[in-house]
Amino acid sequence: MRSRRFRTSLQYVVMISACCMFLLPGCGIYKFKDAVIPNDVKTIKINFIDNKARYINPQAAPKFYDKIQQKIIGSTKIQRSNNDDADYVINGTITTYDGTQTVGVSSQQASTNRLTVTLHIVWRKNNKQETEEFDVSRSFDYSANLAFQTAEAQLLDEVVRTLTDDIFNRMFSNW
């Protein structure tokens, strides 16, 4: 009887050890990096976002400006500055804001439309005397039963949050 209990206990120990051996090394695969900021970067100037898209949502540019500022200041130790000689200077432009694309058709009627938003970012690194330019763009689908103004009112916060995260990750997370 004692031998059977010992064998059962030993089997549990072996199974648990095997699970740990296979599962624990896998945890290192899903590793997210924190913001990577050089030690000599202390200040940032974030300029207002321009809106040069064909269709202009008057709320979009101010929301992007506020959210980008909140994300960078809230997630890093960089201090906001109003000086053009700050270590980093960010300029942004909304170049695309288009909600007229039909991407889904059902029974010969549009079922899904798409809002596409693109921001062009100019990131001046005064501490290195260099400038980097990049675009971030995302598409957001919505029901074709909704008027565009209704859909964009529902989607705007998600659009701003998602693209702000993309900008932040491009600049500070080495993704």
C-alpha atoms as a PDB file:
ATOM      1  CA  MET A   1       0.000   0.000   0.000  1.00  0.00           C
ATOM      2  CA  ARG A   2       2.755   2.388   0.938  1.00  0.00           C
ATOM      3  CA  SER A   3       4.603   1.634  -2.295  1.00  0.00           C
ATOM      4  CA  ARG A   4       1.539   2.502  -4.382  1.00  0.00           C
ATOM      5  CA  ARG A   5       1.134   5.903  -2.630  1.00  0.00           C
ATOM      6  CA  PHE A   6       4.814   6.654  -3.111  1.00  0.00           C
ATOM      7  CA  ARG A   7       4.572   5.788  -6.816  1.00  0.00           C
ATOM      8  CA  THR A   8       1.487   8.038  -7.222  1.00  0.00           C
ATOM      9  CA  SER A   9       3.193  10.918  -5.414  1.00  0.00           C
ATOM     10  CA  LEU A  10       6.307  10.448  -7.503  1.00  0.00           C
ATOM     11  CA  GLN A  11       4.205  10.535 -10.680  1.00  0.00           C
ATOM     12  CA  TYR A  12       2.664  13.886  -9.601  1.00  0.00           C
ATOM     13  CA  VAL A  13       6.083  15.352  -8.881  1.00  0.00           C
ATOM     14  CA  VAL A  14       7.381  14.207 -12.262  1.00  0.00           C
ATOM     15  CA  MET A  15       4.308  15.627 -14.069  1.00  0.00           C
ATOM     16  CA  ILE A  16       4.553  18.987 -12.304  1.00  0.00           C
ATOM     17  CA  SER A  17       8.298  19.178 -12.965  1.00  0.00           C
ATOM     18  CA  ALA A  18       7.760  18.379 -16.641  1.00  0.00           C
ATOM     19  CA  CYS A  19       5.073  21.064 -16.939  1.00  0.00           C
ATOM     20  CA  CYS A  20       7.319  23.643 -15.293  1.00  0.00           C
ATOM     21  CA  MET A  21      10.202  22.672 -17.540  1.00  0.00           C
ATOM     22  CA  PHE A  22       8.133  23.233 -20.683  1.00  0.00           C
ATOM     23  CA  LEU A  23       6.051  26.222 -19.595  1.00  0.00           C
ATOM     24  CA  LEU A  24       8.493  28.449 -17.732  1.00  0.00           C
ATOM     25  CA  PRO A  25      11.004  28.967 -20.555  1.00  0.00           C
ATOM     26  CA  GLY A  26       8.097  30.037 -22.764  1.00  0.00           C
ATOM     27  CA  CYS A  27       7.353  32.997 -20.518  1.00  0.00           C
ATOM     28  CA  GLY A  28      10.408  34.795 -21.873  1.00  0.00           C
ATOM     29  CA  ILE A  29       8.933  34.842 -25.377  1.00  0.00           C
ATOM     30  CA  TYR A  30       6.143  37.248 -24.498  1.00  0.00           C
ATOM     31  CA  LYS A  31       8.265  40.052 -23.154  1.00  0.00           C
ATOM     32  CA  PHE A  32       7.337  43.676 -23.630  1.00  0.00           C
ATOM     33  CA  LYS A  33      10.002  46.354 -23.514  1.00  0.00           C
ATOM     34  CA  ASP A  34       9.604  49.484 -21.487  1.00  0.00           C
ATOM     35  CA  ALA A  35      10.201  52.890 -22.984  1.00  0.00           C
ATOM     36  CA  VAL A  36      13.817  53.226 -24.075  1.00  0.00           C
ATOM     37  CA  ILE A  37      15.014  56.793 -23.634  1.00  0.00           C
ATOM     38  CA  PRO A  38      18.648  57.884 -23.733  1.00  0.00           C
ATOM     39  CA  ASN A  39      19.913  59.371 -20.463  1.00  0.00           C
ATOM     40  CA  ASP A  40      20.701  62.704 -22.107  1.00  0.00           C
ATOM     41  CA  VAL A  41      17.044  63.262 -23.127  1.00  0.00           C
ATOM     42  CA  LYS A  42      15.346  65.398 -20.493  1.00  0.00           C
ATOM     43  CA  THR A  43      12.895  67.662 -22.364  1.00  0.00           C
ATOM     44  CA  ILE A  44      10.360  67.417 -25.163  1.00  0.00           C
ATOM     45  CA  LYS A  45       8.314  69.953 -27.073  1.00  0.00           C
ATOM     46  CA  ILE A  46       5.115  68.657 -28.626  1.00  0.00           C
ATOM     47  CA  ASN A  47       3.700  71.042 -31.182  1.00  0.00           C
ATOM     48  CA  PHE A  48       0.026  71.255 -32.053  1.00  0.00           C
ATOM     49  CA  ILE A  49      -1.144  68.714 -34.615  1.00  0.00           C
ATOM     50  CA  ASP A  50      -1.985  70.132 -38.039  1.00  0.00           C
ATOM     51  CA  ASN A  51      -4.961  68.768 -39.932  1.00  0.00           C
ATOM     52  CA  LYS A  52      -4.343  68.693 -43.674  1.00  0.00           C
ATOM     53  CA  ALA A  53      -6.638  65.808 -44.557  1.00  0.00           C
ATOM     54  CA  ARG A  54      -9.235  66.224 -47.289  1.00  0.00           C
ATOM     55  CA  TYR A  55     -11.995  65.829 -44.692  1.00  0.00           C
ATOM     56  CA  ILE A  56     -11.354  67.672 -41.437  1.00  0.00           C
ATOM     57  CA  ASN A  57     -12.852  66.558 -38.158  1.00  0.00           C
ATOM     58  CA  PRO A  58     -12.334  69.640 -35.951  1.00  0.00           C
ATOM     59  CA  GLN A  59     -12.025  67.476 -32.824  1.00  0.00           C
ATOM     60  CA  ALA A  60      -9.336  65.127 -34.138  1.00  0.00           C
ATOM     61  CA  ALA A  61      -6.219  67.337 -34.068  1.00  0.00           C
ATOM     62  CA  PRO A  62      -6.759  68.692 -30.525  1.00  0.00           C
ATOM     63  CA  LYS A  63      -7.533  65.188 -29.222  1.00  0.00           C
ATOM     64  CA  PHE A  64      -4.356  63.789 -30.804  1.00  0.00           C
ATOM     65  CA  TYR A  65      -2.284  66.643 -29.348  1.00  0.00           C
ATOM     66  CA  ASP A  66      -3.674  66.087 -25.835  1.00  0.00           C
ATOM     67  CA  LYS A  67      -3.371  62.289 -25.954  1.00  0.00           C
ATOM     68  CA  ILE A  68       0.188  62.281 -27.337  1.00  0.00           C
ATOM     69  CA  GLN A  69       1.224  64.748 -24.651  1.00  0.00           C
ATOM     70  CA  GLN A  70      -0.456  62.705 -21.886  1.00  0.00           C
ATOM     71  CA  LYS A  71       1.080  59.452 -23.122  1.00  0.00           C
ATOM     72  CA  ILE A  72       4.655  60.732 -23.349  1.00  0.00           C
ATOM     73  CA  ILE A  73       4.642  62.796 -20.143  1.00  0.00           C
ATOM     74  CA  GLY A  74       2.728  60.135 -18.200  1.00  0.00           C
ATOM     75  CA  SER A  75       4.829  57.172 -19.374  1.00  0.00           C
ATOM     76  CA  THR A  76       8.337  58.649 -19.313  1.00  0.00           C
ATOM     77  CA  LYS A  77      10.496  60.913 -17.174  1.00  0.00           C
ATOM     78  CA  ILE A  78      10.804  63.463 -19.980  1.00  0.00           C
ATOM     79  CA  GLN A  79       9.666  66.955 -19.004  1.00  0.00           C
ATOM     80  CA  ARG A  80       7.472  69.048 -21.313  1.00  0.00           C
ATOM     81  CA  SER A  81       9.028  72.223 -22.679  1.00  0.00           C
ATOM     82  CA  ASN A  82       7.895  75.102 -24.860  1.00  0.00           C
ATOM     83  CA  ASN A  83      11.395  75.768 -26.170  1.00  0.00           C
ATOM     84  CA  ASP A  84      12.418  74.876 -29.706  1.00  0.00           C
ATOM     85  CA  ASP A  85      15.774  73.706 -28.333  1.00  0.00           C
ATOM     86  CA  ALA A  86      14.200  70.897 -26.282  1.00  0.00           C
ATOM     87  CA  ASP A  87      15.986  67.544 -26.612  1.00  0.00           C
ATOM     88  CA  TYR A  88      13.090  66.208 -28.699  1.00  0.00           C
ATOM     89  CA  VAL A  89      10.598  68.191 -30.773  1.00  0.00           C
ATOM     90  CA  ILE A  90       7.545  66.491 -32.251  1.00  0.00           C
ATOM     91  CA  ASN A  91       5.443  67.848 -35.109  1.00  0.00           C
ATOM     92  CA  GLY A  92       2.458  65.956 -36.429  1.00  0.00           C
ATOM     93  CA  THR A  93       0.034  66.283 -39.314  1.00  0.00           C
ATOM     94  CA  ILE A  94      -3.183  64.404 -39.993  1.00  0.00           C
ATOM     95  CA  THR A  95      -2.753  63.593 -43.684  1.00  0.00           C
ATOM     96  CA  THR A  96      -5.610  61.129 -44.182  1.00  0.00           C
ATOM     97  CA  TYR A  97      -9.035  61.084 -42.570  1.00  0.00           C
ATOM     98  CA  ASP A  98     -11.267  59.128 -44.908  1.00  0.00           C
ATOM     99  CA  GLY A  99     -14.483  57.354 -44.000  1.00  0.00           C
ATOM    100  CA  THR A 100     -15.854  56.769 -47.482  1.00  0.00           C
ATOM    101  CA  GLN A 101     -14.438  53.301 -48.156  1.00  0.00           C
ATOM    102  CA  THR A 102     -16.873  50.409 -48.467  1.00  0.00           C
ATOM    103  CA  VAL A 103     -15.206  47.151 -47.456  1.00  0.00           C
ATOM    104  CA  GLY A 104     -18.128  44.773 -46.986  1.00  0.00           C
ATOM    105  CA  VAL A 105     -21.074  44.004 -49.226  1.00  0.00           C
ATOM    106  CA  SER A 106     -24.034  41.814 -48.348  1.00  0.00           C
ATOM    107  CA  SER A 107     -27.053  41.232 -50.588  1.00  0.00           C
ATOM    108  CA  GLN A 108     -25.715  43.831 -53.040  1.00  0.00           C
ATOM    109  CA  GLN A 109     -25.661  46.507 -50.330  1.00  0.00           C
ATOM    110  CA  ALA A 110     -22.770  47.950 -48.365  1.00  0.00           C
ATOM    111  CA  SER A 111     -22.573  46.279 -44.969  1.00  0.00           C
ATOM    112  CA  THR A 112     -19.260  47.611 -43.664  1.00  0.00           C
ATOM    113  CA  ASN A 113     -17.483  50.905 -44.198  1.00  0.00           C
ATOM    114  CA  ARG A 114     -13.983  51.881 -43.133  1.00  0.00           C
ATOM    115  CA  LEU A 115     -12.478  54.987 -41.576  1.00  0.00           C
ATOM    116  CA  THR A 116      -8.764  55.324 -42.341  1.00  0.00           C
ATOM    117  CA  VAL A 117      -6.618  57.819 -40.449  1.00  0.00           C
ATOM    118  CA  THR A 118      -2.945  58.590 -41.087  1.00  0.00           C
ATOM    119  CA  LEU A 119      -0.617  60.859 -39.126  1.00  0.00           C
ATOM    120  CA  HIS A 120       2.747  62.014 -40.419  1.00  0.00           C
ATOM    121  CA  ILE A 121       5.206  62.570 -37.563  1.00  0.00           C
ATOM    122  CA  VAL A 122       8.405  64.619 -37.726  1.00  0.00           C
ATOM    123  CA  TRP A 123      10.578  63.796 -34.731  1.00  0.00           C
ATOM    124  CA  ARG A 124      13.526  66.162 -34.333  1.00  0.00           C
ATOM    125  CA  LYS A 125      16.240  64.908 -31.996  1.00  0.00           C
ATOM    126  CA  ASN A 126      18.168  68.053 -31.137  1.00  0.00           C
ATOM    127  CA  ASN A 127      20.518  66.125 -28.873  1.00  0.00           C
ATOM    128  CA  LYS A 128      21.750  64.114 -31.903  1.00  0.00           C
ATOM    129  CA  GLN A 129      21.203  66.752 -34.576  1.00  0.00           C
ATOM    130  CA  GLU A 130      18.954  64.403 -36.568  1.00  0.00           C
ATOM    131  CA  THR A 131      15.354  64.195 -37.712  1.00  0.00           C
ATOM    132  CA  GLU A 132      13.210  61.128 -38.236  1.00  0.00           C
ATOM    133  CA  GLU A 133       9.944  61.107 -40.181  1.00  0.00           C
ATOM    134  CA  PHE A 134       7.374  58.340 -40.155  1.00  0.00           C
ATOM    135  CA  ASP A 135       3.683  57.688 -40.760  1.00  0.00           C
ATOM    136  CA  VAL A 136       1.259  55.805 -38.556  1.00  0.00           C
ATOM    137  CA  SER A 137      -1.970  54.657 -40.119  1.00  0.00           C
ATOM    138  CA  ARG A 138      -4.893  52.524 -39.037  1.00  0.00           C
ATOM    139  CA  SER A 139      -8.269  51.572 -40.397  1.00  0.00           C
ATOM    140  CA  PHE A 140     -11.423  51.202 -38.331  1.00  0.00           C
ATOM    141  CA  ASP A 141     -14.487  49.384 -39.646  1.00  0.00           C
ATOM    142  CA  TYR A 142     -18.055  50.412 -38.850  1.00  0.00           C
ATOM    143  CA  SER A 143     -21.547  49.377 -39.896  1.00  0.00           C
ATOM    144  CA  ALA A 144     -22.739  50.842 -43.177  1.00  0.00           C
ATOM    145  CA  ASN A 145     -26.105  51.369 -41.470  1.00  0.00           C
ATOM    146  CA  LEU A 146     -24.556  54.236 -39.495  1.00  0.00           C
ATOM    147  CA  ALA A 147     -24.165  57.732 -40.867  1.00  0.00           C
ATOM    148  CA  PHE A 148     -20.476  58.648 -41.121  1.00  0.00           C
ATOM    149  CA  GLN A 149     -20.792  61.403 -38.485  1.00  0.00           C
ATOM    150  CA  THR A 150     -22.338  58.930 -36.029  1.00  0.00           C
ATOM    151  CA  ALA A 151     -19.646  56.326 -36.696  1.00  0.00           C
ATOM    152  CA  GLU A 152     -16.774  58.781 -36.334  1.00  0.00           C
ATOM    153  CA  ALA A 153     -18.220  60.087 -33.062  1.00  0.00           C
ATOM    154  CA  GLN A 154     -18.228  56.492 -31.772  1.00  0.00           C
ATOM    155  CA  LEU A 155     -14.758  55.677 -33.136  1.00  0.00           C
ATOM    156  CA  LEU A 156     -12.783  58.867 -32.441  1.00  0.00           C
ATOM    157  CA  ASP A 157     -11.552  57.958 -28.948  1.00  0.00           C
ATOM    158  CA  GLU A 158     -10.405  54.521 -30.167  1.00  0.00           C
ATOM    159  CA  VAL A 159      -8.713  56.071 -33.221  1.00  0.00           C
ATOM    160  CA  VAL A 160      -6.837  58.594 -31.081  1.00  0.00           C
ATOM    161  CA  ARG A 161      -5.811  56.031 -28.432  1.00  0.00           C
ATOM    162  CA  THR A 162      -4.627  53.455 -30.979  1.00  0.00           C
ATOM    163  CA  LEU A 163      -2.618  55.835 -33.151  1.00  0.00           C
ATOM    164  CA  THR A 164      -1.105  57.542 -30.091  1.00  0.00           C
ATOM    165  CA  ASP A 165       0.069  54.136 -28.846  1.00  0.00           C
ATOM    166  CA  ASP A 166       1.547  53.438 -32.296  1.00  0.00           C
ATOM    167  CA  ILE A 167       3.431  56.760 -32.239  1.00  0.00           C
ATOM    168  CA  PHE A 168       4.720  56.149 -28.710  1.00  0.00           C
ATOM    169  CA  ASN A 169       5.826  52.601 -29.525  1.00  0.00           C
ATOM    170  CA  ARG A 170       7.580  53.737 -32.693  1.00  0.00           C
ATOM    171  CA  MET A 171       9.484  56.398 -30.782  1.00  0.00           C
ATOM    172  CA  PHE A 172      10.260  54.803 -27.448  1.00  0.00           C
ATOM    173  CA  SER A 173       9.719  51.050 -27.442  1.00  0.00           C
ATOM    174  CA  ASN A 174      12.024  49.814 -30.212  1.00  0.00           C
ATOM    175  CA  TRP A 175       9.234  47.755 -31.801  1.00  0.00           C
END
